[in-house]
Amino acid sequence: MATSPIAMLIELQGVYDGWSVALYEDGTMVNRWANENGTGPQPGLERRWAAAEEYISIHDGVPDEYYQAATSE
């Protein structure tokens, strides 16, 4: 699990009425629906986990400048 502060919580429309992905200030993205060791979904949450994994795979690796611009006021 990431140890830097959370920069943003990301809601995926149609997945859950709340956040599904946490973006930490260091750029790490974490799937809320992952099991304790992060290797797969929590039981019964496979659809939510898959949607969050897809989002992370598309958006992970975005340059730090994007995160700084998106999270600054």
Protein backbone atom coordinates (compact mmCIF):
# COMPACT_ATOMS: atom_id res chain seq x y z
CA MET A 1 0.00 0.00 0.00
CA ALA A 2 1.21 3.50 -0.80
CA THR A 3 2.44 5.62 2.09
CA SER A 4 2.32 9.14 0.63
CA PRO A 5 -0.76 11.32 1.17
CA ILE A 6 -3.79 10.83 -1.06
CA ALA A 7 -4.02 13.50 -3.75
CA MET A 8 -7.37 12.48 -5.21
CA LEU A 9 -10.11 9.88 -4.92
CA ILE A 10 -11.56 8.89 -8.29
CA GLU A 11 -15.17 7.86 -8.83
CA LEU A 12 -15.89 5.70 -11.87
CA GLN A 13 -19.40 6.41 -13.10
CA GLY A 14 -21.55 3.32 -13.34
CA VAL A 15 -19.28 1.34 -11.01
CA TYR A 16 -20.02 2.69 -7.54
CA ASP A 17 -21.48 5.85 -6.02
CA GLY A 18 -18.20 6.79 -4.39
CA TRP A 19 -14.50 6.37 -5.08
CA SER A 20 -12.94 3.31 -6.70
CA VAL A 21 -9.34 4.44 -7.27
CA ALA A 22 -7.07 6.38 -4.92
CA LEU A 23 -4.35 8.51 -6.49
CA TYR A 24 -1.49 9.22 -4.11
CA GLU A 25 0.77 12.26 -4.35
CA ASP A 26 3.64 10.04 -5.50
CA GLY A 27 1.54 8.95 -8.52
CA THR A 28 0.63 5.51 -7.19
CA MET A 29 -2.90 4.39 -8.01
CA VAL A 30 -4.66 1.90 -5.73
CA ASN A 31 -7.78 -0.14 -6.52
CA ARG A 32 -10.28 0.11 -3.66
CA TRP A 33 -11.78 -3.26 -4.59
CA ALA A 34 -8.55 -5.28 -4.40
CA ASN A 35 -8.16 -8.05 -1.85
CA GLU A 36 -5.81 -7.66 1.13
CA ASN A 37 -2.68 -8.61 -0.80
CA GLY A 38 -3.68 -6.68 -3.93
CA THR A 39 -3.57 -9.67 -6.27
CA GLY A 40 -7.24 -9.79 -7.23
CA PRO A 41 -10.75 -8.74 -6.29
CA GLN A 42 -12.46 -9.02 -2.96
CA PRO A 43 -15.08 -11.78 -3.11
CA GLY A 44 -18.26 -10.52 -4.78
CA LEU A 45 -16.63 -7.34 -6.09
CA GLU A 46 -15.15 -8.71 -9.30
CA ARG A 47 -16.96 -6.26 -11.64
CA ARG A 48 -15.93 -3.20 -9.62
CA TRP A 49 -12.35 -4.48 -9.32
CA ALA A 50 -12.11 -5.09 -13.09
CA ALA A 51 -13.41 -1.59 -13.91
CA ALA A 52 -10.91 0.01 -11.52
CA GLU A 53 -8.07 -2.12 -12.91
CA GLU A 54 -8.96 -1.03 -16.44
CA TYR A 55 -8.94 2.63 -15.37
CA ILE A 56 -5.56 2.21 -13.66
CA SER A 57 -4.05 0.44 -16.67
CA ILE A 58 -5.15 3.30 -18.95
CA HIS A 59 -4.16 6.18 -16.66
CA ASP A 60 -1.18 4.84 -14.70
CA GLY A 61 2.14 6.25 -15.78
CA VAL A 62 0.80 9.71 -16.58
CA PRO A 63 3.60 12.26 -16.08
CA ASP A 64 3.93 13.84 -12.64
CA GLU A 65 3.21 17.28 -14.16
CA TYR A 66 -0.35 16.12 -14.86
CA TYR A 67 -0.88 15.07 -11.25
CA GLN A 68 0.53 18.34 -9.96
CA ALA A 69 -1.73 20.38 -12.26
CA ALA A 70 -4.80 18.26 -11.49
CA THR A 71 -4.37 18.43 -7.74
CA SER A 72 -3.23 22.04 -7.28
CA GLU A 73 -5.72 24.78 -6.50
